[in-house]
Every structure is written in C-alpha cells, then in structure tokens.
Amino acid sequence: MMDLKHNKERIYQDVSAHTQAAGRHKDEVTIIAVTKYVDSHTAEELVKTGVKHIAENRVDKFLDKYQALTDYDLTWHLIGSLQRRKVKDVINLVDYFHALDSVKLAAEIQKRAQHKIKCFLQVNISGEESKHGFKPSEISKVLEEIQQFDKIELVGLMTMAPIDAQEADLDDIFSKANKLKNNLKEKNLKNMPFTELSIGMSRDYPIAIQNGATFVRIGSAFFK
C-alpha cells in the first residue's frame, strides 16, 4: 500500500534540499505531481496531502481529473503533446501548457483561447528523433512567427532527456536548456518572459535542479 503522505513529504524535503544545495532559495522550484499513473480517487488523496500543482499528459485524462477535483484550488498543467483538434476541449482549463511544439499548434491556441495561456516552448535539445519539440537552431524563426499571437505567453522552455541518458548526458542536456532559456530571457521579447525551465522527472530531478529547473514533473515517485 502506497503511503502518499509519506511520499509527498519525502519528495518535497528532497527537492528543497537539492535546491538549497545548488545555492538557490528553497522555494525556487515548483513540484508538479504527474497523476497519469493513477485514477481520480488516488489523485484526490494526493491533493489532500497538500499538493497544489497537478499535471496530465493526455487530454481525456486531464478532463477526468479536472472534473473530479473541482472542489480544490489547484494549478493545472498539461504536459503532453496536444493535437490541434483537441485544443478547443482543454486549453481554457489549463494554467500551464508545457508542450508547445509547432507554430500551427500556437495558431490553434490563439484561435481557441479566451485568455492568455502560459506556455512552455518544447525544445529538442537531445536531438532524439522520437522526441517532439523545436531544434534550438529553429527557435529564432519560430519566435518571430509566434510573436503575432497575443493569447500566448512564452514563460519558458521545456525539454525531456532520453530515457536511458546517463548522468553526464543529463547534465549536458539540462545545462544547454538552461543556457538557451537565459539567452531568450535576455532578449526581453513581448509576451515571452522566458523565466521558467520545465525539466526533470522522478529519476533525474536532482540534476535538473542543479541546472536551473523551476518546475520539476514528478510522477512515479509519489505512487511507490
């Protein structure tokens, strides 16, 4: 039987310790609980332990959890690929969208959004063919196109490391993402603050925190 309260406290303490060990303020990293592994009841039990940020990677699961947890004051994250035909179903319920991976998707969000949507530009730092996201070399051109959309606020970058990446590879990928984010932040582009970095999951968040993560997406570690 999983002990959600124990797991939550352990994860929060560990993230805080790693953040401070990296010379950062303990509150600089936001923990997002990824609930794709569990049903709505289990997600609710986790929320009762004090978790405030919830993430799903599929629209249908997001809508299930959103409906089930309407009694709670939560911040909602959609972290997976979003098909353009499903944008209208979900985008106005989302507080943060972590996987903006095409200009066509940005255009559809612009069309459907009723308010400004906080988005992370998904960037493929590792170069893996199976990964979504823009190549770093494409970003300048992409930003020129996205600038026309006033319903999109690019708060930062998101990237994912290969599942089999070793520690040195993780360090390299995350540090490149952080450097790119900082370079974009310095440009002071309208509606593109680039203050946030969404990197790190259950297996690699300590390395992500060392490399400037401001959001870590933790799933399986909550539900052991």
Protein backbone atom coordinates (compact mmCIF):
# COMPACT_ATOMS: atom_id res chain seq x y z
CA MET A 1 0.00 0.00 0.00
CA MET A 2 1.49 3.33 -1.05
CA ASP A 3 1.82 5.97 1.65
CA LEU A 4 1.01 9.15 -0.24
CA LYS A 5 1.60 11.50 2.70
CA HIS A 6 5.00 9.99 3.45
CA ASN A 7 5.99 10.05 -0.23
CA LYS A 8 4.84 13.66 -0.62
CA GLU A 9 6.79 14.85 2.42
CA ARG A 10 9.90 12.95 1.34
CA ILE A 11 9.80 14.39 -2.19
CA TYR A 12 9.19 17.96 -1.02
CA GLN A 13 12.01 17.75 1.51
CA ASP A 14 14.35 16.24 -1.07
CA VAL A 15 13.59 18.87 -3.70
CA SER A 16 14.10 21.61 -1.12
CA ALA A 17 17.43 20.11 -0.03
CA HIS A 18 18.70 19.79 -3.61
CA THR A 19 17.58 23.34 -4.40
CA GLN A 20 19.46 24.76 -1.43
CA ALA A 21 22.50 22.58 -2.20
CA ALA A 22 22.56 24.22 -5.64
CA GLY A 23 22.82 27.62 -3.96
CA ARG A 24 19.22 28.55 -4.72
CA HIS A 25 16.33 29.60 -2.50
CA LYS A 26 14.34 26.60 -1.30
CA ASP A 27 11.12 27.92 -2.90
CA GLU A 28 12.59 28.43 -6.38
CA VAL A 29 11.46 25.03 -7.66
CA THR A 30 7.79 24.15 -8.08
CA ILE A 31 6.86 20.47 -7.80
CA ILE A 32 4.24 19.29 -10.30
CA ALA A 33 2.57 15.98 -9.42
CA VAL A 34 2.01 13.98 -12.59
CA THR A 35 -1.09 11.87 -11.96
CA LYS A 36 -1.24 9.95 -15.26
CA TYR A 37 -0.38 6.72 -13.41
CA VAL A 38 -3.42 6.81 -11.11
CA ASP A 39 -7.18 7.24 -11.08
CA SER A 40 -9.04 10.35 -9.94
CA HIS A 41 -9.63 8.97 -6.44
CA THR A 42 -5.91 8.43 -5.85
CA ALA A 43 -5.16 11.87 -7.31
CA GLU A 44 -7.63 13.36 -4.84
CA GLU A 45 -5.95 11.56 -1.94
CA LEU A 46 -2.64 13.06 -3.07
CA VAL A 47 -4.17 16.54 -3.27
CA LYS A 48 -5.39 16.11 0.32
CA THR A 49 -1.73 15.82 1.41
CA GLY A 50 -1.16 19.40 0.23
CA VAL A 51 -0.10 19.05 -3.41
CA LYS A 52 -1.21 22.14 -5.36
CA HIS A 53 0.13 21.52 -8.89
CA ILE A 54 -1.36 18.67 -10.92
CA ALA A 55 -0.30 17.51 -14.40
CA GLU A 56 -1.65 15.17 -17.02
CA ASN A 57 -0.20 14.33 -20.42
CA ARG A 58 -3.42 13.34 -22.22
CA VAL A 59 -6.50 15.46 -22.78
CA ASP A 60 -9.04 12.80 -21.78
CA LYS A 61 -7.25 12.06 -18.51
CA PHE A 62 -6.80 15.79 -17.85
CA LEU A 63 -10.55 16.37 -18.24
CA ASP A 64 -11.37 13.40 -15.97
CA LYS A 65 -9.16 14.72 -13.17
CA TYR A 66 -10.23 18.33 -13.67
CA GLN A 67 -13.89 17.38 -13.26
CA ALA A 68 -13.19 15.14 -10.25
CA LEU A 69 -11.15 17.77 -8.38
CA THR A 70 -13.26 20.90 -8.88
CA ASP A 71 -13.57 21.36 -5.10
CA TYR A 72 -9.84 22.06 -4.74
CA ASP A 73 -7.84 25.19 -5.54
CA LEU A 74 -5.27 23.68 -7.91
CA THR A 75 -2.90 24.82 -10.62
CA TRP A 76 -3.33 22.64 -13.72
CA HIS A 77 -0.56 21.63 -16.12
CA LEU A 78 -0.92 19.85 -19.46
CA ILE A 79 2.49 18.36 -20.16
CA GLY A 80 1.98 16.05 -23.13
CA SER A 81 1.64 16.56 -26.87
CA LEU A 82 -1.61 18.27 -27.81
CA GLN A 83 -3.38 17.52 -31.09
CA ARG A 84 -4.77 20.63 -32.75
CA ARG A 85 -8.27 19.17 -32.95
CA LYS A 86 -8.35 18.81 -29.14
CA VAL A 87 -7.17 22.33 -28.29
CA LYS A 88 -10.74 23.65 -28.00
CA ASP A 89 -11.63 20.98 -25.41
CA VAL A 90 -8.94 21.78 -22.91
CA ILE A 91 -6.91 24.95 -23.45
CA ASN A 92 -9.07 27.29 -21.36
CA LEU A 93 -8.86 24.98 -18.34
CA VAL A 94 -5.06 24.82 -18.39
CA ASP A 95 -2.89 27.09 -16.23
CA TYR A 96 0.36 25.99 -17.90
CA PHE A 97 0.87 24.15 -21.19
CA HIS A 98 4.32 22.55 -21.34
CA ALA A 99 4.47 21.17 -24.88
CA LEU A 100 4.11 23.91 -27.47
CA ASP A 101 5.92 22.15 -30.31
CA SER A 102 4.68 23.73 -33.56
CA VAL A 103 3.63 27.10 -34.94
CA LYS A 104 0.41 25.51 -36.24
CA LEU A 105 -0.44 24.46 -32.67
CA ALA A 106 0.29 28.01 -31.49
CA ALA A 107 -2.12 29.33 -34.14
CA GLU A 108 -4.85 26.96 -32.96
CA ILE A 109 -4.34 28.01 -29.33
CA GLN A 110 -4.58 31.65 -30.42
CA LYS A 111 -7.86 30.85 -32.16
CA ARG A 112 -9.44 28.99 -29.21
CA ALA A 113 -8.04 30.72 -26.12
CA GLN A 114 -10.32 33.07 -24.18
CA HIS A 115 -7.42 34.49 -22.16
CA LYS A 116 -3.64 34.49 -22.32
CA ILE A 117 -2.21 30.97 -21.95
CA LYS A 118 1.11 30.40 -20.20
CA CYS A 119 3.09 28.10 -22.49
CA PHE A 120 6.47 26.44 -22.49
CA LEU A 121 8.21 26.13 -25.83
CA GLN A 122 9.21 22.48 -26.18
CA VAL A 123 12.77 22.20 -27.42
CA ASN A 124 14.51 19.01 -28.52
CA ILE A 125 17.96 19.53 -27.00
CA SER A 126 18.98 15.86 -27.20
CA GLY A 127 18.23 15.55 -30.94
CA GLU A 128 16.34 12.28 -30.41
CA GLU A 129 14.18 11.50 -33.44
CA SER A 130 11.35 10.25 -31.26
CA LYS A 131 11.14 13.48 -29.24
CA HIS A 132 8.82 16.34 -30.10
CA GLY A 133 9.97 19.92 -29.98
CA PHE A 134 11.86 22.56 -31.89
CA LYS A 135 15.53 22.27 -32.69
CA PRO A 136 17.49 25.04 -30.95
CA SER A 137 18.53 26.34 -34.38
CA GLU A 138 14.85 26.89 -35.33
CA ILE A 139 13.86 28.97 -32.35
CA SER A 140 14.64 32.49 -33.62
CA LYS A 141 12.42 31.98 -36.66
CA VAL A 142 9.70 30.32 -34.58
CA LEU A 143 9.59 33.21 -32.10
CA GLU A 144 9.11 35.68 -34.94
CA GLU A 145 6.03 33.73 -36.02
CA ILE A 146 4.62 33.25 -32.53
CA GLN A 147 5.01 36.94 -31.66
CA GLN A 148 1.86 37.70 -33.65
CA PHE A 149 -0.25 35.63 -31.20
CA ASP A 150 -1.36 37.78 -28.23
CA LYS A 151 -3.07 34.86 -26.43
CA ILE A 152 0.24 33.04 -25.92
CA GLU A 153 2.74 33.92 -23.22
CA LEU A 154 6.01 32.00 -23.55
CA VAL A 155 7.01 31.67 -19.91
CA GLY A 156 9.91 29.32 -20.56
CA LEU A 157 11.34 26.19 -22.13
CA MET A 158 10.57 22.51 -21.62
CA THR A 159 12.77 19.63 -22.66
CA MET A 160 12.92 15.91 -21.99
CA ALA A 161 16.03 13.78 -21.73
CA PRO A 162 16.33 10.32 -23.33
CA ILE A 163 15.03 7.58 -21.06
CA ASP A 164 18.45 5.90 -20.95
CA ALA A 165 20.51 9.09 -20.50
CA GLN A 166 23.41 8.78 -18.08
CA GLU A 167 24.24 11.45 -15.51
CA ALA A 168 26.77 13.26 -17.74
CA ASP A 169 24.28 13.32 -20.63
CA LEU A 170 21.53 14.65 -18.38
CA ASP A 171 23.83 17.36 -17.09
CA ASP A 172 24.73 18.36 -20.65
CA ILE A 173 21.11 18.43 -21.91
CA PHE A 174 19.75 20.33 -18.93
CA SER A 175 22.59 22.86 -18.87
CA LYS A 176 22.07 23.58 -22.59
CA ALA A 177 18.35 24.10 -21.97
CA ASN A 178 19.10 26.50 -19.12
CA LYS A 179 21.61 28.45 -21.18
CA LEU A 180 19.15 28.73 -24.07
CA LYS A 181 16.39 29.88 -21.71
CA ASN A 182 18.65 32.55 -20.22
CA ASN A 183 19.64 33.78 -23.69
CA LEU A 184 15.98 34.10 -24.68
CA LYS A 185 15.11 35.84 -21.42
CA GLU A 186 17.76 38.50 -22.12
CA LYS A 187 16.04 39.40 -25.41
CA ASN A 188 13.08 40.90 -23.46
CA LEU A 189 10.59 39.95 -26.16
CA LYS A 190 6.95 40.93 -25.75
CA ASN A 191 4.81 38.15 -24.20
CA MET A 192 7.96 36.00 -23.97
CA PRO A 193 9.48 36.40 -20.50
CA PHE A 194 11.30 33.03 -20.56
CA THR A 195 11.72 33.00 -16.78
CA GLU A 196 10.84 29.31 -16.31
CA LEU A 197 12.50 25.99 -17.08
CA SER A 198 10.43 22.78 -17.04
CA ILE A 199 12.99 19.96 -16.80
CA GLY A 200 13.45 16.90 -14.63
CA MET A 201 11.27 13.97 -13.63
CA SER A 202 11.27 11.38 -10.84
CA ARG A 203 14.56 9.80 -11.90
CA ASP A 204 16.58 12.91 -12.73
CA TYR A 205 15.18 15.94 -10.89
CA PRO A 206 18.30 16.44 -8.70
CA ILE A 207 20.39 17.05 -11.85
CA ALA A 208 17.65 19.25 -13.30
CA ILE A 209 17.62 21.38 -10.15
CA GLN A 210 21.40 21.84 -10.36
CA ASN A 211 20.83 23.17 -13.88
CA GLY A 212 18.18 25.77 -13.14
CA ALA A 213 14.88 23.88 -13.21
CA THR A 214 11.99 25.98 -11.91
CA PHE A 215 9.37 23.25 -12.47
CA VAL A 216 10.02 19.52 -11.96
CA ARG A 217 7.46 16.99 -13.21
CA ILE A 218 7.34 14.14 -10.67
CA GLY A 219 5.01 11.20 -11.14
CA SER A 220 6.05 7.68 -10.20
CA ALA A 221 7.92 8.74 -7.04
CA PHE A 222 4.63 9.83 -5.46
CA PHE A 223 2.97 6.46 -6.06
CA LYS A 224 5.52 3.87 -4.97
